[in-house]
Amino acid sequence: MRRTYLGEFEEVVLLMVAILDGEGYGVTVSQALEEHTGRVVTFGTVHNTLIRLEEKGFVQSELGGATAERGGRRKRLFRITALGSRALQELQQLRQELWQLLPPNTLRLGSV
């Protein structure tokens, strides 16, 4: 079976887009990443990843309304697609299968 390839960072960003459920854009995804993973990344890194995920068909975007808070600029909001959802489900299943293959004491502290 052919699996969809996603890099680790792409996977985490795609998960954040799914969690934010239509409210994800560069800033909110960056903030959610830091809040949930402790990982601090630049806005540009997240934005480039979102664009790459959109090119792969895992997310789609649309412009939100302009706000005075943002100086009249509009947000590009991202939403996960059916392909993106399927990719996450496949990755989750693969990881679960691999974890189940671990011998029981492999990760026990002090076993090395």
PDB file of N, CA and C in Angstrom:
ATOM      1  N   MET A   1       0.843  -1.180   0.000  1.00  0.00           N
ATOM      2  CA  MET A   1       0.000   0.000   0.000  1.00  0.00           C
ATOM      3  C   MET A   1       0.889   1.245   0.000  1.00  0.00           C
ATOM      4  N   ARG A   2       0.573   2.190  -0.827  1.00  0.00           N
ATOM      5  CA  ARG A   2       1.316   3.436  -0.913  1.00  0.00           C
ATOM      6  C   ARG A   2       0.826   4.381   0.181  1.00  0.00           C
ATOM      7  N   ARG A   3       1.760   4.887   0.951  1.00  0.00           N
ATOM      8  CA  ARG A   3       1.391   5.816   2.017  1.00  0.00           C
ATOM      9  C   ARG A   3       1.730   7.232   1.597  1.00  0.00           C
ATOM     10  N   THR A   4       1.024   8.165   2.163  1.00  0.00           N
ATOM     11  CA  THR A   4       1.273   9.557   1.900  1.00  0.00           C
ATOM     12  C   THR A   4       2.432  10.011   2.757  1.00  0.00           C
ATOM     13  N   TYR A   5       3.415  10.669   2.148  1.00  0.00           N
ATOM     14  CA  TYR A   5       4.554  11.124   2.910  1.00  0.00           C
ATOM     15  C   TYR A   5       4.315  12.533   3.436  1.00  0.00           C
ATOM     16  N   LEU A   6       4.510  12.685   4.714  1.00  0.00           N
ATOM     17  CA  LEU A   6       4.493  13.994   5.371  1.00  0.00           C
ATOM     18  C   LEU A   6       5.706  14.048   6.275  1.00  0.00           C
ATOM     19  N   GLY A   7       6.443  15.149   6.229  1.00  0.00           N
ATOM     20  CA  GLY A   7       7.529  15.337   7.174  1.00  0.00           C
ATOM     21  C   GLY A   7       6.956  15.538   8.569  1.00  0.00           C
ATOM     22  N   GLU A   8       7.792  15.370   9.595  1.00  0.00           N
ATOM     23  CA  GLU A   8       7.322  15.499  10.976  1.00  0.00           C
ATOM     24  C   GLU A   8       6.711  16.863  11.235  1.00  0.00           C
ATOM     25  N   PHE A   9       7.378  17.929  10.772  1.00  0.00           N
ATOM     26  CA  PHE A   9       6.839  19.266  11.021  1.00  0.00           C
ATOM     27  C   PHE A   9       5.544  19.489  10.239  1.00  0.00           C
ATOM     28  N   GLU A  10       5.485  18.979   9.019  1.00  0.00           N
ATOM     29  CA  GLU A  10       4.240  19.088   8.237  1.00  0.00           C
ATOM     30  C   GLU A  10       3.098  18.380   8.962  1.00  0.00           C
ATOM     31  N   GLU A  11       3.385  17.229   9.527  1.00  0.00           N
ATOM     32  CA  GLU A  11       2.354  16.486  10.252  1.00  0.00           C
ATOM     33  C   GLU A  11       1.835  17.293  11.440  1.00  0.00           C
ATOM     34  N   VAL A  12       2.728  17.890  12.198  1.00  0.00           N
ATOM     35  CA  VAL A  12       2.308  18.662  13.372  1.00  0.00           C
ATOM     36  C   VAL A  12       1.503  19.895  12.943  1.00  0.00           C
ATOM     37  N   VAL A  13       1.948  20.576  11.892  1.00  0.00           N
ATOM     38  CA  VAL A  13       1.200  21.752  11.410  1.00  0.00           C
ATOM     39  C   VAL A  13      -0.173  21.327  10.896  1.00  0.00           C
ATOM     40  N   LEU A  14      -0.235  20.216  10.177  1.00  0.00           N
ATOM     41  CA  LEU A  14      -1.526  19.722   9.680  1.00  0.00           C
ATOM     42  C   LEU A  14      -2.454  19.377  10.839  1.00  0.00           C
ATOM     43  N   LEU A  15      -1.908  18.778  11.889  1.00  0.00           N
ATOM     44  CA  LEU A  15      -2.718  18.493  13.082  1.00  0.00           C
ATOM     45  C   LEU A  15      -3.260  19.780  13.697  1.00  0.00           C
ATOM     46  N   MET A  16      -2.426  20.815  13.757  1.00  0.00           N
ATOM     47  CA  MET A  16      -2.875  22.088  14.332  1.00  0.00           C
ATOM     48  C   MET A  16      -3.981  22.707  13.477  1.00  0.00           C
ATOM     49  N   VAL A  17      -3.859  22.620  12.167  1.00  0.00           N
ATOM     50  CA  VAL A  17      -4.921  23.137  11.290  1.00  0.00           C
ATOM     51  C   VAL A  17      -6.225  22.388  11.574  1.00  0.00           C
ATOM     52  N   ALA A  18      -6.133  21.068  11.734  1.00  0.00           N
ATOM     53  CA  ALA A  18      -7.325  20.277  12.027  1.00  0.00           C
ATOM     54  C   ALA A  18      -7.912  20.660  13.385  1.00  0.00           C
ATOM     55  N   ILE A  19      -7.049  20.843  14.383  1.00  0.00           N
ATOM     56  CA  ILE A  19      -7.513  21.210  15.729  1.00  0.00           C
ATOM     57  C   ILE A  19      -8.188  22.581  15.712  1.00  0.00           C
ATOM     58  N   LEU A  20      -7.616  23.520  14.954  1.00  0.00           N
ATOM     59  CA  LEU A  20      -8.161  24.884  14.921  1.00  0.00           C
ATOM     60  C   LEU A  20      -9.445  24.973  14.099  1.00  0.00           C
ATOM     61  N   ASP A  21      -9.754  23.949  13.324  1.00  0.00           N
ATOM     62  CA  ASP A  21     -11.045  23.779  12.651  1.00  0.00           C
ATOM     63  C   ASP A  21     -11.536  25.030  11.910  1.00  0.00           C
ATOM     64  N   GLY A  22     -10.748  25.469  10.946  1.00  0.00           N
ATOM     65  CA  GLY A  22     -11.161  26.600  10.109  1.00  0.00           C
ATOM     66  C   GLY A  22     -10.699  27.946  10.623  1.00  0.00           C
ATOM     67  N   GLU A  23     -10.130  27.991  11.817  1.00  0.00           N
ATOM     68  CA  GLU A  23      -9.647  29.253  12.395  1.00  0.00           C
ATOM     69  C   GLU A  23      -8.116  29.341  12.341  1.00  0.00           C
ATOM     70  N   GLY A  24      -7.483  28.417  11.607  1.00  0.00           N
ATOM     71  CA  GLY A  24      -6.029  28.380  11.567  1.00  0.00           C
ATOM     72  C   GLY A  24      -5.448  29.285  10.496  1.00  0.00           C
ATOM     73  N   TYR A  25      -4.542  30.132  10.885  1.00  0.00           N
ATOM     74  CA  TYR A  25      -3.727  30.918   9.958  1.00  0.00           C
ATOM     75  C   TYR A  25      -2.349  31.002  10.602  1.00  0.00           C
ATOM     76  N   GLY A  26      -1.398  31.604   9.923  1.00  0.00           N
ATOM     77  CA  GLY A  26      -0.017  31.559  10.377  1.00  0.00           C
ATOM     78  C   GLY A  26       0.175  31.824  11.852  1.00  0.00           C
ATOM     79  N   VAL A  27      -0.412  32.897  12.357  1.00  0.00           N
ATOM     80  CA  VAL A  27      -0.198  33.281  13.757  1.00  0.00           C
ATOM     81  C   VAL A  27      -0.841  32.276  14.717  1.00  0.00           C
ATOM     82  N   THR A  28      -2.100  31.887  14.454  1.00  0.00           N
ATOM     83  CA  THR A  28      -2.765  30.965  15.393  1.00  0.00           C
ATOM     84  C   THR A  28      -2.111  29.590  15.386  1.00  0.00           C
ATOM     85  N   VAL A  29      -1.641  29.155  14.213  1.00  0.00           N
ATOM     86  CA  VAL A  29      -0.950  27.863  14.151  1.00  0.00           C
ATOM     87  C   VAL A  29       0.363  27.946  14.928  1.00  0.00           C
ATOM     88  N   SER A  30       1.108  29.048  14.773  1.00  0.00           N
ATOM     89  CA  SER A  30       2.358  29.227  15.520  1.00  0.00           C
ATOM     90  C   SER A  30       2.096  29.211  17.027  1.00  0.00           C
ATOM     91  N   GLN A  31       1.064  29.933  17.456  1.00  0.00           N
ATOM     92  CA  GLN A  31       0.730  29.990  18.881  1.00  0.00           C
ATOM     93  C   GLN A  31       0.302  28.615  19.409  1.00  0.00           C
ATOM     94  N   ALA A  32      -0.501  27.903  18.631  1.00  0.00           N
ATOM     95  CA  ALA A  32      -0.956  26.574  19.060  1.00  0.00           C
ATOM     96  C   ALA A  32       0.222  25.608  19.145  1.00  0.00           C
ATOM     97  N   LEU A  33       1.149  25.719  18.206  1.00  0.00           N
ATOM     98  CA  LEU A  33       2.347  24.874  18.250  1.00  0.00           C
ATOM     99  C   LEU A  33       3.119  25.096  19.541  1.00  0.00           C
ATOM    100  N   GLU A  34       3.324  26.352  19.883  1.00  0.00           N
ATOM    101  CA  GLU A  34       4.072  26.666  21.093  1.00  0.00           C
ATOM    102  C   GLU A  34       3.316  26.203  22.337  1.00  0.00           C
ATOM    103  N   GLU A  35       2.011  26.459  22.356  1.00  0.00           N
ATOM    104  CA  GLU A  35       1.203  26.091  23.518  1.00  0.00           C
ATOM    105  C   GLU A  35       1.168  24.580  23.749  1.00  0.00           C
ATOM    106  N   HIS A  36       1.002  23.813  22.687  1.00  0.00           N
ATOM    107  CA  HIS A  36       0.800  22.373  22.837  1.00  0.00           C
ATOM    108  C   HIS A  36       2.079  21.548  22.761  1.00  0.00           C
ATOM    109  N   THR A  37       3.127  22.099  22.161  1.00  0.00           N
ATOM    110  CA  THR A  37       4.356  21.304  22.019  1.00  0.00           C
ATOM    111  C   THR A  37       5.567  21.957  22.686  1.00  0.00           C
ATOM    112  N   GLY A  38       5.449  23.231  23.040  1.00  0.00           N
ATOM    113  CA  GLY A  38       6.584  23.946  23.596  1.00  0.00           C
ATOM    114  C   GLY A  38       7.596  24.348  22.534  1.00  0.00           C
ATOM    115  N   ARG A  39       7.250  24.121  21.322  1.00  0.00           N
ATOM    116  CA  ARG A  39       8.138  24.379  20.191  1.00  0.00           C
ATOM    117  C   ARG A  39       7.900  25.800  19.674  1.00  0.00           C
ATOM    118  N   VAL A  40       8.952  26.598  19.642  1.00  0.00           N
ATOM    119  CA  VAL A  40       8.844  27.967  19.160  1.00  0.00           C
ATOM    120  C   VAL A  40       9.369  28.006  17.725  1.00  0.00           C
ATOM    121  N   VAL A  41       8.513  28.402  16.810  1.00  0.00           N
ATOM    122  CA  VAL A  41       8.909  28.477  15.401  1.00  0.00           C
ATOM    123  C   VAL A  41       8.511  29.848  14.857  1.00  0.00           C
ATOM    124  N   THR A  42       9.212  30.276  13.840  1.00  0.00           N
ATOM    125  CA  THR A  42       8.910  31.580  13.266  1.00  0.00           C
ATOM    126  C   THR A  42       7.638  31.505  12.432  1.00  0.00           C
ATOM    127  N   PHE A  43       7.008  32.656  12.301  1.00  0.00           N
ATOM    128  CA  PHE A  43       5.803  32.745  11.483  1.00  0.00           C
ATOM    129  C   PHE A  43       6.108  32.292  10.053  1.00  0.00           C
ATOM    130  N   GLY A  44       7.263  32.701   9.517  1.00  0.00           N
ATOM    131  CA  GLY A  44       7.622  32.353   8.144  1.00  0.00           C
ATOM    132  C   GLY A  44       7.734  30.853   7.932  1.00  0.00           C
ATOM    133  N   THR A  45       8.269  30.146   8.909  1.00  0.00           N
ATOM    134  CA  THR A  45       8.386  28.687   8.807  1.00  0.00           C
ATOM    135  C   THR A  45       7.005  28.048   8.741  1.00  0.00           C
ATOM    136  N   VAL A  46       6.113  28.516   9.599  1.00  0.00           N
ATOM    137  CA  VAL A  46       4.752  27.970   9.607  1.00  0.00           C
ATOM    138  C   VAL A  46       4.043  28.336   8.303  1.00  0.00           C
ATOM    139  N   HIS A  47       4.174  29.576   7.880  1.00  0.00           N
ATOM    140  CA  HIS A  47       3.491  30.014   6.658  1.00  0.00           C
ATOM    141  C   HIS A  47       3.970  29.193   5.451  1.00  0.00           C
ATOM    142  N   ASN A  48       5.273  29.010   5.324  1.00  0.00           N
ATOM    143  CA  ASN A  48       5.792  28.220   4.204  1.00  0.00           C
ATOM    144  C   ASN A  48       5.286  26.779   4.249  1.00  0.00           C
ATOM    145  N   THR A  49       5.172  26.240   5.436  1.00  0.00           N
ATOM    146  CA  THR A  49       4.658  24.871   5.577  1.00  0.00           C
ATOM    147  C   THR A  49       3.186  24.810   5.187  1.00  0.00           C
ATOM    148  N   LEU A  50       2.419  25.813   5.589  1.00  0.00           N
ATOM    149  CA  LEU A  50       0.997  25.848   5.214  1.00  0.00           C
ATOM    150  C   LEU A  50       0.840  25.908   3.688  1.00  0.00           C
ATOM    151  N   ILE A  51       1.657  26.714   3.046  1.00  0.00           N
ATOM    152  CA  ILE A  51       1.587  26.822   1.583  1.00  0.00           C
ATOM    153  C   ILE A  51       1.961  25.489   0.933  1.00  0.00           C
ATOM    154  N   ARG A  52       3.010  24.838   1.468  1.00  0.00           N
ATOM    155  CA  ARG A  52       3.425  23.539   0.929  1.00  0.00           C
ATOM    156  C   ARG A  52       2.314  22.494   1.125  1.00  0.00           C
ATOM    157  N   LEU A  53       1.656  22.510   2.281  1.00  0.00           N
ATOM    158  CA  LEU A  53       0.555  21.577   2.528  1.00  0.00           C
ATOM    159  C   LEU A  53      -0.610  21.856   1.579  1.00  0.00           C
ATOM    160  N   GLU A  54      -0.812  23.120   1.262  1.00  0.00           N
ATOM    161  CA  GLU A  54      -1.887  23.456   0.314  1.00  0.00           C
ATOM    162  C   GLU A  54      -1.530  22.973  -1.085  1.00  0.00           C
ATOM    163  N   GLU A  55      -0.276  23.118  -1.474  1.00  0.00           N
ATOM    164  CA  GLU A  55       0.157  22.626  -2.786  1.00  0.00           C
ATOM    165  C   GLU A  55       0.011  21.109  -2.892  1.00  0.00           C
ATOM    166  N   LYS A  56       0.182  20.413  -1.778  1.00  0.00           N
ATOM    167  CA  LYS A  56       0.033  18.955  -1.761  1.00  0.00           C
ATOM    168  C   LYS A  56      -1.433  18.529  -1.671  1.00  0.00           C
ATOM    169  N   GLY A  57      -2.326  19.499  -1.426  1.00  0.00           N
ATOM    170  CA  GLY A  57      -3.754  19.191  -1.363  1.00  0.00           C
ATOM    171  C   GLY A  57      -4.237  18.778   0.012  1.00  0.00           C
ATOM    172  N   PHE A  58      -3.423  18.943   1.063  1.00  0.00           N
ATOM    173  CA  PHE A  58      -3.810  18.552   2.407  1.00  0.00           C
ATOM    174  C   PHE A  58      -4.617  19.625   3.145  1.00  0.00           C
ATOM    175  N   VAL A  59      -4.474  20.859   2.723  1.00  0.00           N
ATOM    176  CA  VAL A  59      -5.271  21.957   3.286  1.00  0.00           C
ATOM    177  C   VAL A  59      -5.743  22.835   2.128  1.00  0.00           C
ATOM    178  N   GLN A  60      -6.770  23.612   2.401  1.00  0.00           N
ATOM    179  CA  GLN A  60      -7.198  24.644   1.455  1.00  0.00           C
ATOM    180  C   GLN A  60      -7.358  25.929   2.239  1.00  0.00           C
ATOM    181  N   SER A  61      -7.220  27.041   1.545  1.00  0.00           N
ATOM    182  CA  SER A  61      -7.304  28.313   2.260  1.00  0.00           C
ATOM    183  C   SER A  61      -8.300  29.240   1.582  1.00  0.00           C
ATOM    184  N   GLU A  62      -8.719  30.201   2.369  1.00  0.00           N
ATOM    185  CA  GLU A  62      -9.575  31.263   1.847  1.00  0.00           C
ATOM    186  C   GLU A  62      -9.293  32.516   2.670  1.00  0.00           C
ATOM    187  N   LEU A  63      -9.521  33.662   2.067  1.00  0.00           N
ATOM    188  CA  LEU A  63      -9.289  34.910   2.777  1.00  0.00           C
ATOM    189  C   LEU A  63     -10.476  35.235   3.666  1.00  0.00           C
ATOM    190  N   GLY A  64     -10.182  35.567   4.932  1.00  0.00           N
ATOM    191  CA  GLY A  64     -11.214  35.996   5.854  1.00  0.00           C
ATOM    192  C   GLY A  64     -11.480  37.485   5.666  1.00  0.00           C
ATOM    193  N   GLY A  65     -12.348  38.030   6.475  1.00  0.00           N
ATOM    194  CA  GLY A  65     -12.689  39.442   6.377  1.00  0.00           C
ATOM    195  C   GLY A  65     -11.589  40.342   6.915  1.00  0.00           C
ATOM    196  N   ALA A  66     -11.518  41.537   6.381  1.00  0.00           N
ATOM    197  CA  ALA A  66     -10.543  42.521   6.847  1.00  0.00           C
ATOM    198  C   ALA A  66     -10.976  43.061   8.201  1.00  0.00           C
ATOM    199  N   THR A  67     -10.003  43.301   9.074  1.00  0.00           N
ATOM    200  CA  THR A  67     -10.321  43.854  10.387  1.00  0.00           C
ATOM    201  C   THR A  67      -9.450  45.075  10.654  1.00  0.00           C
ATOM    202  N   ALA A  68      -9.995  46.009  11.429  1.00  0.00           N
ATOM    203  CA  ALA A  68      -9.223  47.196  11.803  1.00  0.00           C
ATOM    204  C   ALA A  68      -8.034  46.790  12.667  1.00  0.00           C
ATOM    205  N   GLU A  69      -8.223  45.737  13.471  1.00  0.00           N
ATOM    206  CA  GLU A  69      -7.170  45.230  14.345  1.00  0.00           C
ATOM    207  C   GLU A  69      -5.922  44.878  13.551  1.00  0.00           C
ATOM    208  N   ARG A  70      -6.092  44.418  12.330  1.00  0.00           N
ATOM    209  CA  ARG A  70      -4.975  44.025  11.480  1.00  0.00           C
ATOM    210  C   ARG A  70      -4.672  45.088  10.435  1.00  0.00           C
ATOM    211  N   GLY A  71      -5.119  46.303  10.663  1.00  0.00           N
ATOM    212  CA  GLY A  71      -4.853  47.397   9.735  1.00  0.00           C
ATOM    213  C   GLY A  71      -5.539  47.210   8.392  1.00  0.00           C
ATOM    214  N   GLY A  72      -6.685  46.553   8.413  1.00  0.00           N
ATOM    215  CA  GLY A  72      -7.440  46.343   7.180  1.00  0.00           C
ATOM    216  C   GLY A  72      -6.980  45.128   6.371  1.00  0.00           C
ATOM    217  N   ARG A  73      -5.978  44.425   6.869  1.00  0.00           N
ATOM    218  CA  ARG A  73      -5.499  43.241   6.140  1.00  0.00           C
ATOM    219  C   ARG A  73      -6.394  42.043   6.447  1.00  0.00           C
ATOM    220  N   ARG A  74      -6.473  41.146   5.498  1.00  0.00           N
ATOM    221  CA  ARG A  74      -7.292  39.949   5.655  1.00  0.00           C
ATOM    222  C   ARG A  74      -6.403  38.762   6.036  1.00  0.00           C
ATOM    223  N   LYS A  75      -6.983  37.853   6.789  1.00  0.00           N
ATOM    224  CA  LYS A  75      -6.269  36.634   7.187  1.00  0.00           C
ATOM    225  C   LYS A  75      -6.506  35.558   6.139  1.00  0.00           C
ATOM    226  N   ARG A  76      -5.467  34.761   5.874  1.00  0.00           N
ATOM    227  CA  ARG A  76      -5.643  33.573   5.030  1.00  0.00           C
ATOM    228  C   ARG A  76      -5.893  32.396   5.959  1.00  0.00           C
ATOM    229  N   LEU A  77      -7.136  31.968   6.022  1.00  0.00           N
ATOM    230  CA  LEU A  77      -7.544  30.897   6.928  1.00  0.00           C
ATOM    231  C   LEU A  77      -7.415  29.539   6.240  1.00  0.00           C
ATOM    232  N   PHE A  78      -6.897  28.562   6.964  1.00  0.00           N
ATOM    233  CA  PHE A  78      -6.658  27.227   6.409  1.00  0.00           C
ATOM    234  C   PHE A  78      -7.595  26.209   7.057  1.00  0.00           C
ATOM    235  N   ARG A  79      -8.020  25.269   6.220  1.00  0.00           N
ATOM    236  CA  ARG A  79      -8.895  24.175   6.674  1.00  0.00           C
ATOM    237  C   ARG A  79      -8.362  22.874   6.075  1.00  0.00           C
ATOM    238  N   ILE A  80      -8.417  21.828   6.848  1.00  0.00           N
ATOM    239  CA  ILE A  80      -7.939  20.534   6.368  1.00  0.00           C
ATOM    240  C   ILE A  80      -8.895  19.991   5.301  1.00  0.00           C
ATOM    241  N   THR A  81      -8.347  19.313   4.294  1.00  0.00           N
ATOM    242  CA  THR A  81      -9.156  18.701   3.236  1.00  0.00           C
ATOM    243  C   THR A  81      -9.384  17.222   3.557  1.00  0.00           C
ATOM    244  N   ALA A  82     -10.194  16.576   2.749  1.00  0.00           N
ATOM    245  CA  ALA A  82     -10.428  15.134   2.925  1.00  0.00           C
ATOM    246  C   ALA A  82      -9.115  14.376   2.742  1.00  0.00           C
ATOM    247  N   LEU A  83      -8.291  14.792   1.796  1.00  0.00           N
ATOM    248  CA  LEU A  83      -6.993  14.148   1.588  1.00  0.00           C
ATOM    249  C   LEU A  83      -6.099  14.327   2.815  1.00  0.00           C
ATOM    250  N   GLY A  84      -6.105  15.524   3.397  1.00  0.00           N
ATOM    251  CA  GLY A  84      -5.317  15.774   4.599  1.00  0.00           C
ATOM    252  C   GLY A  84      -5.811  14.946   5.775  1.00  0.00           C
ATOM    253  N   SER A  85      -7.117  14.832   5.900  1.00  0.00           N
ATOM    254  CA  SER A  85      -7.693  14.032   6.972  1.00  0.00           C
ATOM    255  C   SER A  85      -7.303  12.567   6.807  1.00  0.00           C
ATOM    256  N   ARG A  86      -7.374  12.062   5.592  1.00  0.00           N
ATOM    257  CA  ARG A  86      -7.001  10.672   5.332  1.00  0.00           C
ATOM    258  C   ARG A  86      -5.511  10.450   5.625  1.00  0.00           C
ATOM    259  N   ALA A  87      -4.667  11.424   5.249  1.00  0.00           N
ATOM    260  CA  ALA A  87      -3.228  11.298   5.508  1.00  0.00           C
ATOM    261  C   ALA A  87      -2.954  11.209   7.005  1.00  0.00           C
ATOM    262  N   LEU A  88      -3.624  12.040   7.801  1.00  0.00           N
ATOM    263  CA  LEU A  88      -3.430  11.982   9.260  1.00  0.00           C
ATOM    264  C   LEU A  88      -3.906  10.648   9.833  1.00  0.00           C
ATOM    265  N   GLN A  89      -5.028  10.160   9.336  1.00  0.00           N
ATOM    266  CA  GLN A  89      -5.531   8.881   9.830  1.00  0.00           C
ATOM    267  C   GLN A  89      -4.570   7.745   9.489  1.00  0.00           C
ATOM    268  N   GLU A  90      -3.987   7.766   8.281  1.00  0.00           N
ATOM    269  CA  GLU A  90      -3.021   6.744   7.888  1.00  0.00           C
ATOM    270  C   GLU A  90      -1.769   6.813   8.755  1.00  0.00           C
ATOM    271  N   LEU A  91      -1.307   8.025   9.030  1.00  0.00           N
ATOM    272  CA  LEU A  91      -0.121   8.180   9.873  1.00  0.00           C
ATOM    273  C   LEU A  91      -0.386   7.697  11.296  1.00  0.00           C
ATOM    274  N   GLN A  92      -1.556   8.016  11.809  1.00  0.00           N
ATOM    275  CA  GLN A  92      -1.912   7.569  13.154  1.00  0.00           C
ATOM    276  C   GLN A  92      -1.939   6.034  13.214  1.00  0.00           C
ATOM    277  N   GLN A  93      -2.539   5.417  12.210  1.00  0.00           N
ATOM    278  CA  GLN A  93      -2.616   3.956  12.175  1.00  0.00           C
ATOM    279  C   GLN A  93      -1.220   3.334  12.069  1.00  0.00           C
ATOM    280  N   LEU A  94      -0.380   3.903  11.203  1.00  0.00           N
ATOM    281  CA  LEU A  94       0.980   3.388  11.038  1.00  0.00           C
ATOM    282  C   LEU A  94       1.751   3.467  12.347  1.00  0.00           C
ATOM    283  N   ARG A  95       1.653   4.619  13.012  1.00  0.00           N
ATOM    284  CA  ARG A  95       2.372   4.775  14.286  1.00  0.00           C
ATOM    285  C   ARG A  95       1.874   3.788  15.339  1.00  0.00           C
ATOM    286  N   GLN A  96       0.565   3.585  15.403  1.00  0.00           N
ATOM    287  CA  GLN A  96       0.016   2.626  16.371  1.00  0.00           C
ATOM    288  C   GLN A  96       0.523   1.219  16.083  1.00  0.00           C
ATOM    289  N   GLU A  97       0.572   0.854  14.799  1.00  0.00           N
ATOM    290  CA  GLU A  97       1.057  -0.477  14.428  1.00  0.00           C
ATOM    291  C   GLU A  97       2.525  -0.648  14.815  1.00  0.00           C
ATOM    292  N   LEU A  98       3.328   0.386  14.586  1.00  0.00           N
ATOM    293  CA  LEU A  98       4.746   0.305  14.927  1.00  0.00           C
ATOM    294  C   LEU A  98       4.958   0.233  16.434  1.00  0.00           C
ATOM    295  N   TRP A  99       4.201   1.019  17.204  1.00  0.00           N
ATOM    296  CA  TRP A  99       4.331   0.990  18.665  1.00  0.00           C
ATOM    297  C   TRP A  99       3.967  -0.390  19.216  1.00  0.00           C
ATOM    298  N   GLN A 100       2.998  -1.029  18.591  1.00  0.00           N
ATOM    299  CA  GLN A 100       2.590  -2.354  19.069  1.00  0.00           C
ATOM    300  C   GLN A 100       3.647  -3.419  18.779  1.00  0.00           C
ATOM    301  N   LEU A 101       4.561  -3.141  17.866  1.00  0.00           N
ATOM    302  CA  LEU A 101       5.619  -4.089  17.545  1.00  0.00           C
ATOM    303  C   LEU A 101       6.793  -4.026  18.525  1.00  0.00           C
ATOM    304  N   LEU A 102       6.834  -2.987  19.361  1.00  0.00           N
ATOM    305  CA  LEU A 102       7.944  -2.851  20.310  1.00  0.00           C
ATOM    306  C   LEU A 102       7.923  -3.990  21.326  1.00  0.00           C
ATOM    307  N   PRO A 103       9.066  -4.640  21.549  1.00  0.00           N
ATOM    308  CA  PRO A 103       9.133  -5.625  22.630  1.00  0.00           C
ATOM    309  C   PRO A 103       8.845  -4.916  23.966  1.00  0.00           C
ATOM    310  N   PRO A 104       8.225  -5.588  24.919  1.00  0.00           N
ATOM    311  CA  PRO A 104       7.738  -4.949  26.152  1.00  0.00           C
ATOM    312  C   PRO A 104       8.772  -4.131  26.928  1.00  0.00           C
ATOM    313  N   ASN A 105      10.002  -4.564  27.034  1.00  0.00           N
ATOM    314  CA  ASN A 105      10.970  -3.869  27.882  1.00  0.00           C
ATOM    315  C   ASN A 105      11.921  -2.963  27.120  1.00  0.00           C
ATOM    316  N   THR A 106      11.693  -2.752  25.859  1.00  0.00           N
ATOM    317  CA  THR A 106      12.610  -1.976  25.032  1.00  0.00           C
ATOM    318  C   THR A 106      12.796  -0.551  25.529  1.00  0.00           C
ATOM    319  N   LEU A 107      11.748   0.087  25.974  1.00  0.00           N
ATOM    320  CA  LEU A 107      11.831   1.496  26.369  1.00  0.00           C
ATOM    321  C   LEU A 107      11.947   1.683  27.880  1.00  0.00           C
ATOM    322  N   ARG A 108      12.115   0.609  28.611  1.00  0.00           N
ATOM    323  CA  ARG A 108      12.247   0.718  30.061  1.00  0.00           C
ATOM    324  C   ARG A 108      13.556   1.422  30.398  1.00  0.00           C
ATOM    325  N   LEU A 109      13.496   2.390  31.297  1.00  0.00           N
ATOM    326  CA  LEU A 109      14.702   3.117  31.692  1.00  0.00           C
ATOM    327  C   LEU A 109      15.688   2.170  32.334  1.00  0.00           C
ATOM    328  N   GLY A 110      16.950   2.355  31.984  1.00  0.00           N
ATOM    329  CA  GLY A 110      17.998   1.540  32.561  1.00  0.00           C
ATOM    330  C   GLY A 110      18.194   0.212  31.857  1.00  0.00           C
ATOM    331  N   SER A 111      17.476  -0.021  30.747  1.00  0.00           N
ATOM    332  CA  SER A 111      17.618  -1.302  30.047  1.00  0.00           C
ATOM    333  C   SER A 111      18.841  -1.338  29.149  1.00  0.00           C
ATOM    334  N   VAL A 112      19.509  -0.206  28.925  1.00  0.00           N
ATOM    335  CA  VAL A 112      20.683  -0.193  28.048  1.00  0.00           C
ATOM    336  C   VAL A 112      21.941  -0.293  28.869  1.00  0.00           C
TER     337      VAL A 112
END
